[in-house]
Structures are given as C-alpha cells and as structure tokens.
Amino acid sequence: MKFLLWNVFLALAWVAVTGSLTAANLAAGFALGYSTLWVTTSGPGKATYFSKLKHVVKFASFLGYDLVVSALQVAWNVLTPKSGIRPGVIAIPIELKTAAEIVILANSITLTPGTLTLDISEDKKTLFVHAIFIDDPARFRAEIRDGIEKRTAELMK
C-alpha cells in the first residue's frame, strides 16, 4: 500500500512541477513515478505492488472489451427491435470471499450494458443478476464465472 501512496504522491508532484493538470499529464506522472519506484526501491512489498500491474491491466482490458461488446449488442437491439430480447433473472453462484471482491464483481456486472446486479444472498455465495440477453442460463453463469469473476479474483489476490 505504501508503494501506491508514493506513486500517487510522485504523480501529483509531476503535475505540480509541470503545471498542467490534465488526465494525460497525470497518467504520465503516474507512469514516471511507477518507473522511478521500480528502479529505486527494494524490500518487502515491492514484488506484490509491481506484480499487480499485469492483473490491473488484464482486468481493465477484459472489462473494457466486455463493455464495448455489450454496448454494441444493446445498441443493435435498439436499432433492430425485432431482434428480440430474452430477459431474465439468473442466480449466479460465486466463489469470491471478501466484501471488496464481491463489490467489484457486482459493480462490474452492473456497469456492463444489458446486465444489472440485483441482490446478493445472505450467505454471500450467490449473486442475482438481471440480463436482457439470456439464451442459455448455464452458459451465462459460465461466462460470468470464467470471465469477470476469475479476473476479479486474480486482481484481488
């Protein structure tokens, strides 16, 4: 956690030094800070912080791709109403344990066009999701389990 805080501090310092508060400049400062920390630090915690980057990129790439595909699918349905929606509520068993993991999964599902996380069971082992395109409930569950749930678990370990 301390490496993340240092990285944020270095990114903000970069913005202050350059005098330009833009998203691109902040991202450049973050990348520059990340590189500086990677080169100059050692010790416990370093390996964990720097190995997380690949999981963050993998998660963001998967979610971004899923968002684009889902948005196109919903847009196509709006433009061609006869394509037919097949809505339903599906109970999806989950293996995530912590509240943070479950929140990330539920919000990622809700963020994706055409799906909405409705509730979680009392025992925190089942999500109830409404989706507008359900051809095969078992396949839908498998897509969630093998897709965003798997990447959420990788991100949070």
N, C-alpha and C. Protein backbone atom coordinates (compact mmCIF):
# COMPACT_ATOMS: atom_id res chain seq x y z
N MET A 1 0.82 -1.19 0.00
CA MET A 1 0.00 0.00 0.00
C MET A 1 0.87 1.26 0.00
N LYS A 2 2.02 1.18 0.70
CA LYS A 2 2.85 2.38 0.75
C LYS A 2 3.42 2.72 -0.63
N PHE A 3 3.67 1.71 -1.47
CA PHE A 3 4.17 1.99 -2.81
C PHE A 3 3.12 2.72 -3.65
N LEU A 4 1.86 2.34 -3.49
CA LEU A 4 0.78 3.03 -4.20
C LEU A 4 0.70 4.49 -3.76
N LEU A 5 0.78 4.73 -2.46
CA LEU A 5 0.73 6.10 -1.97
C LEU A 5 1.91 6.93 -2.49
N TRP A 6 3.09 6.32 -2.49
CA TRP A 6 4.26 7.02 -3.05
C TRP A 6 4.07 7.30 -4.53
N ASN A 7 3.49 6.35 -5.24
CA ASN A 7 3.27 6.52 -6.67
C ASN A 7 2.29 7.67 -6.92
N VAL A 8 1.23 7.74 -6.14
CA VAL A 8 0.26 8.84 -6.27
C VAL A 8 0.94 10.17 -5.93
N PHE A 9 1.74 10.18 -4.86
CA PHE A 9 2.46 11.39 -4.49
C PHE A 9 3.39 11.86 -5.61
N LEU A 10 4.12 10.91 -6.21
CA LEU A 10 5.03 11.27 -7.31
C LEU A 10 4.26 11.79 -8.52
N ALA A 11 3.10 11.20 -8.79
CA ALA A 11 2.29 11.66 -9.92
C ALA A 11 1.80 13.09 -9.67
N LEU A 12 1.36 13.36 -8.45
CA LEU A 12 0.90 14.71 -8.13
C LEU A 12 2.07 15.71 -8.13
N ALA A 13 3.23 15.25 -7.69
CA ALA A 13 4.41 16.12 -7.75
C ALA A 13 4.75 16.44 -9.21
N TRP A 14 4.62 15.47 -10.09
CA TRP A 14 4.87 15.69 -11.52
C TRP A 14 3.91 16.74 -12.07
N VAL A 15 2.64 16.62 -11.70
CA VAL A 15 1.64 17.60 -12.15
C VAL A 15 2.00 18.99 -11.63
N ALA A 16 2.43 19.07 -10.39
CA ALA A 16 2.79 20.37 -9.81
C ALA A 16 4.01 20.97 -10.50
N VAL A 17 4.99 20.14 -10.79
CA VAL A 17 6.22 20.62 -11.44
C VAL A 17 5.95 21.08 -12.87
N THR A 18 5.13 20.32 -13.59
CA THR A 18 4.85 20.67 -14.99
C THR A 18 3.80 21.78 -15.10
N GLY A 19 2.99 21.93 -14.05
CA GLY A 19 1.97 22.98 -14.07
C GLY A 19 0.79 22.68 -14.97
N SER A 20 0.56 21.41 -15.27
CA SER A 20 -0.52 21.04 -16.17
C SER A 20 -1.34 19.91 -15.56
N LEU A 21 -2.54 20.22 -15.10
CA LEU A 21 -3.42 19.21 -14.51
C LEU A 21 -4.38 18.69 -15.58
N THR A 22 -3.90 17.72 -16.35
CA THR A 22 -4.73 17.04 -17.34
C THR A 22 -4.64 15.55 -17.07
N ALA A 23 -5.59 14.81 -17.59
CA ALA A 23 -5.59 13.37 -17.40
C ALA A 23 -4.33 12.74 -18.00
N ALA A 24 -3.94 13.21 -19.17
CA ALA A 24 -2.75 12.67 -19.83
C ALA A 24 -1.49 12.97 -19.01
N ASN A 25 -1.38 14.17 -18.49
CA ASN A 25 -0.21 14.53 -17.71
C ASN A 25 -0.18 13.78 -16.37
N LEU A 26 -1.34 13.58 -15.77
CA LEU A 26 -1.41 12.81 -14.53
C LEU A 26 -1.02 11.35 -14.79
N ALA A 27 -1.50 10.80 -15.90
CA ALA A 27 -1.13 9.43 -16.27
C ALA A 27 0.37 9.33 -16.53
N ALA A 28 0.93 10.33 -17.19
CA ALA A 28 2.37 10.34 -17.44
C ALA A 28 3.13 10.41 -16.12
N GLY A 29 2.67 11.23 -15.19
CA GLY A 29 3.29 11.32 -13.88
C GLY A 29 3.20 10.02 -13.12
N PHE A 30 2.06 9.34 -13.23
CA PHE A 30 1.90 8.05 -12.57
C PHE A 30 2.87 7.03 -13.16
N ALA A 31 2.97 7.00 -14.49
CA ALA A 31 3.90 6.07 -15.16
C ALA A 31 5.34 6.39 -14.79
N LEU A 32 5.68 7.65 -14.77
CA LEU A 32 7.03 8.06 -14.40
C LEU A 32 7.33 7.70 -12.94
N GLY A 33 6.37 7.93 -12.06
CA GLY A 33 6.53 7.56 -10.65
C GLY A 33 6.66 6.06 -10.48
N TYR A 34 5.86 5.31 -11.21
CA TYR A 34 5.92 3.85 -11.17
C TYR A 34 7.31 3.38 -11.58
N SER A 35 7.81 3.92 -12.68
CA SER A 35 9.15 3.55 -13.17
C SER A 35 10.21 3.91 -12.15
N THR A 36 10.11 5.07 -11.56
CA THR A 36 11.09 5.51 -10.57
C THR A 36 11.08 4.59 -9.36
N LEU A 37 9.90 4.26 -8.87
CA LEU A 37 9.81 3.36 -7.72
C LEU A 37 10.35 1.98 -8.05
N TRP A 38 10.07 1.50 -9.24
CA TRP A 38 10.54 0.17 -9.64
C TRP A 38 12.06 0.11 -9.66
N VAL A 39 12.69 1.16 -10.14
CA VAL A 39 14.14 1.19 -10.25
C VAL A 39 14.81 1.44 -8.90
N THR A 40 14.22 2.27 -8.07
CA THR A 40 14.93 2.73 -6.87
C THR A 40 14.59 2.00 -5.58
N THR A 41 13.57 1.17 -5.56
CA THR A 41 13.16 0.56 -4.29
C THR A 41 13.48 -0.92 -4.25
N SER A 42 13.53 -1.42 -3.04
CA SER A 42 13.68 -2.84 -2.81
C SER A 42 13.02 -3.16 -1.49
N GLY A 43 12.88 -4.43 -1.19
CA GLY A 43 12.35 -4.81 0.11
C GLY A 43 10.98 -5.43 0.03
N PRO A 44 10.45 -5.78 1.21
CA PRO A 44 9.14 -6.43 1.27
C PRO A 44 8.04 -5.53 0.72
N GLY A 45 7.14 -6.13 0.01
CA GLY A 45 6.03 -5.37 -0.55
C GLY A 45 6.26 -4.93 -1.98
N LYS A 46 7.51 -4.79 -2.38
CA LYS A 46 7.81 -4.32 -3.73
C LYS A 46 7.28 -5.30 -4.77
N ALA A 47 7.58 -6.57 -4.59
CA ALA A 47 7.18 -7.57 -5.58
C ALA A 47 5.66 -7.60 -5.74
N THR A 48 4.93 -7.48 -4.64
CA THR A 48 3.48 -7.51 -4.70
C THR A 48 2.94 -6.32 -5.48
N TYR A 49 3.42 -5.13 -5.17
CA TYR A 49 2.92 -3.93 -5.85
C TYR A 49 3.20 -3.97 -7.34
N PHE A 50 4.40 -4.34 -7.72
CA PHE A 50 4.75 -4.31 -9.14
C PHE A 50 4.18 -5.48 -9.92
N SER A 51 3.86 -6.59 -9.27
CA SER A 51 3.23 -7.70 -9.98
C SER A 51 1.74 -7.45 -10.19
N LYS A 52 1.15 -6.55 -9.40
CA LYS A 52 -0.28 -6.22 -9.55
C LYS A 52 -0.58 -5.53 -10.88
N LEU A 53 0.40 -4.85 -11.45
CA LEU A 53 0.15 -4.10 -12.68
C LEU A 53 -0.42 -4.99 -13.78
N LYS A 54 0.15 -6.17 -13.96
CA LYS A 54 -0.36 -7.04 -15.03
C LYS A 54 -1.79 -7.47 -14.75
N HIS A 55 -2.15 -7.67 -13.48
CA HIS A 55 -3.52 -8.04 -13.16
C HIS A 55 -4.48 -6.88 -13.37
N VAL A 56 -4.04 -5.67 -13.05
CA VAL A 56 -4.87 -4.49 -13.26
C VAL A 56 -5.11 -4.28 -14.75
N VAL A 57 -4.06 -4.41 -15.54
CA VAL A 57 -4.19 -4.24 -17.00
C VAL A 57 -5.08 -5.33 -17.58
N LYS A 58 -4.90 -6.55 -17.14
CA LYS A 58 -5.71 -7.68 -17.62
C LYS A 58 -7.18 -7.46 -17.28
N PHE A 59 -7.46 -7.03 -16.04
CA PHE A 59 -8.83 -6.78 -15.60
C PHE A 59 -9.46 -5.64 -16.40
N ALA A 60 -8.72 -4.53 -16.51
CA ALA A 60 -9.24 -3.36 -17.24
C ALA A 60 -9.47 -3.68 -18.72
N SER A 61 -8.56 -4.44 -19.31
CA SER A 61 -8.72 -4.81 -20.73
C SER A 61 -9.95 -5.69 -20.92
N PHE A 62 -10.10 -6.68 -20.06
CA PHE A 62 -11.25 -7.57 -20.18
C PHE A 62 -12.55 -6.80 -19.98
N LEU A 63 -12.60 -5.97 -18.94
CA LEU A 63 -13.82 -5.20 -18.67
C LEU A 63 -14.11 -4.22 -19.79
N GLY A 64 -13.09 -3.55 -20.30
CA GLY A 64 -13.28 -2.62 -21.42
C GLY A 64 -13.82 -3.31 -22.65
N TYR A 65 -13.25 -4.46 -22.99
CA TYR A 65 -13.73 -5.24 -24.14
C TYR A 65 -15.18 -5.66 -23.92
N ASP A 66 -15.47 -6.15 -22.71
CA ASP A 66 -16.83 -6.59 -22.39
C ASP A 66 -17.83 -5.43 -22.47
N LEU A 67 -17.41 -4.25 -22.04
CA LEU A 67 -18.27 -3.07 -22.11
C LEU A 67 -18.60 -2.70 -23.56
N VAL A 68 -17.59 -2.73 -24.41
CA VAL A 68 -17.79 -2.38 -25.83
C VAL A 68 -18.71 -3.40 -26.50
N VAL A 69 -18.45 -4.69 -26.30
CA VAL A 69 -19.27 -5.73 -26.93
C VAL A 69 -20.72 -5.63 -26.44
N SER A 70 -20.90 -5.46 -25.14
CA SER A 70 -22.26 -5.37 -24.59
C SER A 70 -22.98 -4.12 -25.09
N ALA A 71 -22.27 -3.00 -25.15
CA ALA A 71 -22.88 -1.77 -25.64
C ALA A 71 -23.31 -1.92 -27.10
N LEU A 72 -22.50 -2.56 -27.91
CA LEU A 72 -22.86 -2.79 -29.31
C LEU A 72 -24.08 -3.72 -29.42
N GLN A 73 -24.12 -4.72 -28.56
CA GLN A 73 -25.25 -5.65 -28.57
C GLN A 73 -26.55 -4.93 -28.18
N VAL A 74 -26.50 -4.10 -27.16
CA VAL A 74 -27.68 -3.34 -26.74
C VAL A 74 -28.07 -2.33 -27.82
N ALA A 75 -27.09 -1.65 -28.40
CA ALA A 75 -27.37 -0.68 -29.47
C ALA A 75 -28.01 -1.38 -30.66
N TRP A 76 -27.51 -2.54 -31.02
CA TRP A 76 -28.09 -3.29 -32.14
C TRP A 76 -29.54 -3.65 -31.84
N ASN A 77 -29.82 -4.02 -30.60
CA ASN A 77 -31.19 -4.36 -30.23
C ASN A 77 -32.11 -3.14 -30.30
N VAL A 78 -31.59 -1.97 -29.94
CA VAL A 78 -32.38 -0.75 -30.01
C VAL A 78 -32.68 -0.40 -31.46
N LEU A 79 -31.70 -0.56 -32.33
CA LEU A 79 -31.86 -0.22 -33.75
C LEU A 79 -32.69 -1.24 -34.51
N THR A 80 -32.69 -2.47 -34.06
CA THR A 80 -33.46 -3.53 -34.72
C THR A 80 -34.34 -4.22 -33.66
N PRO A 81 -35.45 -3.61 -33.32
CA PRO A 81 -36.27 -4.13 -32.22
C PRO A 81 -36.78 -5.55 -32.43
N LYS A 82 -36.80 -6.01 -33.66
CA LYS A 82 -37.30 -7.36 -33.91
C LYS A 82 -36.25 -8.42 -33.61
N SER A 83 -35.04 -7.99 -33.21
CA SER A 83 -34.00 -8.98 -32.88
C SER A 83 -34.38 -9.73 -31.61
N GLY A 84 -35.20 -9.14 -30.79
CA GLY A 84 -35.75 -9.82 -29.62
C GLY A 84 -34.82 -9.91 -28.45
N ILE A 85 -35.32 -9.44 -27.34
CA ILE A 85 -34.56 -9.60 -26.11
C ILE A 85 -35.07 -10.85 -25.40
N ARG A 86 -34.23 -11.43 -24.61
CA ARG A 86 -34.59 -12.60 -23.83
C ARG A 86 -34.19 -12.33 -22.38
N PRO A 87 -34.99 -11.48 -21.68
CA PRO A 87 -34.61 -11.07 -20.34
C PRO A 87 -34.86 -12.16 -19.29
N GLY A 88 -34.17 -12.02 -18.19
CA GLY A 88 -34.38 -12.94 -17.09
C GLY A 88 -33.49 -12.59 -15.91
N VAL A 89 -33.84 -13.18 -14.79
CA VAL A 89 -33.03 -13.05 -13.58
C VAL A 89 -32.37 -14.39 -13.34
N ILE A 90 -31.06 -14.34 -13.17
CA ILE A 90 -30.26 -15.56 -13.01
C ILE A 90 -29.57 -15.53 -11.65
N ALA A 91 -29.61 -16.65 -10.94
CA ALA A 91 -28.83 -16.81 -9.71
C ALA A 91 -27.46 -17.35 -10.12
N ILE A 92 -26.42 -16.61 -9.75
CA ILE A 92 -25.06 -16.99 -10.13
C ILE A 92 -24.26 -17.31 -8.87
N PRO A 93 -23.89 -18.60 -8.69
CA PRO A 93 -23.05 -18.93 -7.54
C PRO A 93 -21.66 -18.32 -7.72
N ILE A 94 -21.13 -17.74 -6.66
CA ILE A 94 -19.80 -17.13 -6.73
C ILE A 94 -18.88 -17.75 -5.69
N GLU A 95 -17.58 -17.67 -5.97
CA GLU A 95 -16.59 -18.23 -5.06
C GLU A 95 -15.78 -17.14 -4.37
N LEU A 96 -16.04 -15.89 -4.69
CA LEU A 96 -15.30 -14.80 -4.06
C LEU A 96 -15.69 -14.73 -2.58
N LYS A 97 -14.74 -14.34 -1.74
CA LYS A 97 -14.96 -14.37 -0.30
C LYS A 97 -15.11 -12.99 0.34
N THR A 98 -14.24 -12.05 -0.02
CA THR A 98 -14.23 -10.77 0.69
C THR A 98 -15.29 -9.83 0.14
N ALA A 99 -15.67 -8.88 0.96
CA ALA A 99 -16.67 -7.89 0.54
C ALA A 99 -16.15 -7.07 -0.64
N ALA A 100 -14.86 -6.73 -0.62
CA ALA A 100 -14.29 -5.93 -1.72
C ALA A 100 -14.37 -6.69 -3.04
N GLU A 101 -14.05 -7.97 -3.03
CA GLU A 101 -14.13 -8.77 -4.26
C GLU A 101 -15.56 -8.83 -4.78
N ILE A 102 -16.51 -9.04 -3.87
CA ILE A 102 -17.92 -9.14 -4.27
C ILE A 102 -18.42 -7.81 -4.81
N VAL A 103 -18.02 -6.71 -4.19
CA VAL A 103 -18.44 -5.38 -4.66
C VAL A 103 -17.88 -5.10 -6.05
N ILE A 104 -16.61 -5.43 -6.28
CA ILE A 104 -16.00 -5.21 -7.61
C ILE A 104 -16.73 -6.05 -8.65
N LEU A 105 -17.01 -7.30 -8.34
CA LEU A 105 -17.73 -8.17 -9.28
C LEU A 105 -19.13 -7.62 -9.56
N ALA A 106 -19.87 -7.31 -8.51
CA ALA A 106 -21.25 -6.83 -8.68
C ALA A 106 -21.28 -5.52 -9.47
N ASN A 107 -20.38 -4.60 -9.17
CA ASN A 107 -20.36 -3.33 -9.89
C ASN A 107 -19.89 -3.49 -11.33
N SER A 108 -18.98 -4.41 -11.58
CA SER A 108 -18.54 -4.67 -12.96
C SER A 108 -19.69 -5.24 -13.79
N ILE A 109 -20.47 -6.11 -13.18
CA ILE A 109 -21.64 -6.68 -13.88
C ILE A 109 -22.65 -5.57 -14.16
N THR A 110 -22.92 -4.73 -13.17
CA THR A 110 -23.89 -3.64 -13.34
C THR A 110 -23.41 -2.61 -14.35
N LEU A 111 -22.12 -2.37 -14.40
CA LEU A 111 -21.55 -1.41 -15.34
C LEU A 111 -21.72 -1.86 -16.80
N THR A 112 -21.75 -3.15 -17.01
CA THR A 112 -21.88 -3.70 -18.36
C THR A 112 -23.30 -3.50 -18.87
N PRO A 113 -23.47 -2.86 -20.02
CA PRO A 113 -24.81 -2.65 -20.57
C PRO A 113 -25.57 -3.96 -20.75
N GLY A 114 -26.82 -3.95 -20.35
CA GLY A 114 -27.68 -5.13 -20.52
C GLY A 114 -27.71 -6.03 -19.30
N THR A 115 -26.91 -5.73 -18.28
CA THR A 115 -26.93 -6.53 -17.06
C THR A 115 -27.03 -5.63 -15.84
N LEU A 116 -27.60 -6.18 -14.78
CA LEU A 116 -27.78 -5.42 -13.55
C LEU A 116 -27.75 -6.40 -12.38
N THR A 117 -26.84 -6.17 -11.45
CA THR A 117 -26.81 -6.98 -10.23
C THR A 117 -27.94 -6.49 -9.33
N LEU A 118 -28.83 -7.41 -8.98
CA LEU A 118 -30.00 -7.05 -8.18
C LEU A 118 -29.77 -7.24 -6.68
N ASP A 119 -29.15 -8.35 -6.31
CA ASP A 119 -29.01 -8.67 -4.90
C ASP A 119 -27.93 -9.72 -4.71
N ILE A 120 -27.56 -9.90 -3.46
CA ILE A 120 -26.65 -10.99 -3.09
C ILE A 120 -27.32 -11.75 -1.96
N SER A 121 -27.15 -13.06 -1.96
CA SER A 121 -27.78 -13.88 -0.93
C SER A 121 -27.20 -13.57 0.44
N GLU A 122 -27.92 -13.97 1.48
CA GLU A 122 -27.48 -13.73 2.86
C GLU A 122 -26.12 -14.37 3.15
N ASP A 123 -25.88 -15.54 2.55
CA ASP A 123 -24.61 -16.23 2.81
C ASP A 123 -23.47 -15.75 1.92
N LYS A 124 -23.74 -14.75 1.08
CA LYS A 124 -22.72 -14.12 0.20
C LYS A 124 -22.14 -15.10 -0.83
N LYS A 125 -22.92 -16.10 -1.21
CA LYS A 125 -22.43 -17.10 -2.17
C LYS A 125 -23.18 -17.10 -3.49
N THR A 126 -24.20 -16.23 -3.61
CA THR A 126 -24.99 -16.18 -4.83
C THR A 126 -25.34 -14.74 -5.17
N LEU A 127 -25.06 -14.35 -6.42
CA LEU A 127 -25.49 -13.05 -6.93
C LEU A 127 -26.74 -13.27 -7.76
N PHE A 128 -27.66 -12.33 -7.69
CA PHE A 128 -28.84 -12.37 -8.53
C PHE A 128 -28.70 -11.26 -9.56
N VAL A 129 -28.67 -11.65 -10.82
CA VAL A 129 -28.37 -10.73 -11.91
C VAL A 129 -29.52 -10.74 -12.91
N HIS A 130 -29.95 -9.54 -13.31
CA HIS A 130 -30.91 -9.41 -14.39
C HIS A 130 -30.13 -9.12 -15.67
N ALA A 131 -30.44 -9.85 -16.70
CA ALA A 131 -29.80 -9.63 -18.00
C ALA A 131 -30.88 -9.62 -19.08
N ILE A 132 -30.64 -8.84 -20.13
CA ILE A 132 -31.67 -8.76 -21.17
C ILE A 132 -31.43 -9.75 -22.32
N PHE A 133 -30.26 -10.38 -22.34
CA PHE A 133 -29.96 -11.36 -23.39
C PHE A 133 -29.51 -12.67 -22.74
N ILE A 134 -30.47 -13.56 -22.50
CA ILE A 134 -30.14 -14.86 -21.91
C ILE A 134 -30.69 -15.95 -22.82
N ASP A 135 -29.80 -16.57 -23.57
CA ASP A 135 -30.20 -17.71 -24.39
C ASP A 135 -30.11 -19.00 -23.58
N ASP A 136 -29.00 -19.13 -22.84
CA ASP A 136 -28.73 -20.33 -22.07
C ASP A 136 -28.23 -19.92 -20.69
N PRO A 137 -29.04 -20.13 -19.65
CA PRO A 137 -28.63 -19.72 -18.30
C PRO A 137 -27.31 -20.33 -17.84
N ALA A 138 -27.07 -21.59 -18.16
CA ALA A 138 -25.81 -22.24 -17.75
C ALA A 138 -24.61 -21.57 -18.43
N ARG A 139 -24.76 -21.22 -19.70
CA ARG A 139 -23.69 -20.54 -20.42
C ARG A 139 -23.45 -19.14 -19.86
N PHE A 140 -24.53 -18.44 -19.50
CA PHE A 140 -24.42 -17.12 -18.91
C PHE A 140 -23.65 -17.18 -17.59
N ARG A 141 -23.99 -18.17 -16.73
CA ARG A 141 -23.28 -18.35 -15.47
C ARG A 141 -21.80 -18.64 -15.72
N ALA A 142 -21.52 -19.49 -16.69
CA ALA A 142 -20.13 -19.84 -17.01
C ALA A 142 -19.35 -18.63 -17.51
N GLU A 143 -20.00 -17.78 -18.31
CA GLU A 143 -19.33 -16.57 -18.80
C GLU A 143 -18.95 -15.64 -17.65
N ILE A 144 -19.83 -15.51 -16.68
CA ILE A 144 -19.53 -14.68 -15.51
C ILE A 144 -18.41 -15.32 -14.69
N ARG A 145 -18.53 -16.61 -14.42
CA ARG A 145 -17.53 -17.32 -13.60
C ARG A 145 -16.15 -17.30 -14.26
N ASP A 146 -16.09 -17.63 -15.54
CA ASP A 146 -14.81 -17.74 -16.24
C ASP A 146 -14.30 -16.39 -16.74
N GLY A 147 -15.14 -15.39 -16.70
CA GLY A 147 -14.75 -14.07 -17.18
C GLY A 147 -14.43 -13.12 -16.05
N ILE A 148 -15.41 -12.32 -15.68
CA ILE A 148 -15.16 -11.23 -14.74
C ILE A 148 -14.88 -11.73 -13.33
N GLU A 149 -15.50 -12.82 -12.90
CA GLU A 149 -15.22 -13.33 -11.55
C GLU A 149 -13.79 -13.83 -11.44
N LYS A 150 -13.34 -14.55 -12.43
CA LYS A 150 -11.96 -15.06 -12.43
C LYS A 150 -10.96 -13.90 -12.41
N ARG A 151 -11.20 -12.88 -13.21
CA ARG A 151 -10.27 -11.74 -13.26
C ARG A 151 -10.34 -10.90 -11.99
N THR A 152 -11.51 -10.83 -11.37
CA THR A 152 -11.61 -10.13 -10.09
C THR A 152 -10.80 -10.85 -9.02
N ALA A 153 -10.89 -12.18 -8.99
CA ALA A 153 -10.11 -12.96 -8.03
C ALA A 153 -8.61 -12.76 -8.25
N GLU A 154 -8.18 -12.76 -9.51
CA GLU A 154 -6.76 -12.53 -9.82
C GLU A 154 -6.32 -11.13 -9.38
N LEU A 155 -7.17 -10.16 -9.61
CA LEU A 155 -6.86 -8.78 -9.26
C LEU A 155 -6.70 -8.61 -7.75
N MET A 156 -7.52 -9.29 -6.99
CA MET A 156 -7.55 -9.07 -5.55
C MET A 156 -6.66 -10.01 -4.74
N LYS A 157 -6.01 -10.98 -5.37
CA LYS A 157 -5.15 -11.87 -4.57
C LYS A 157 -3.83 -11.26 -4.23
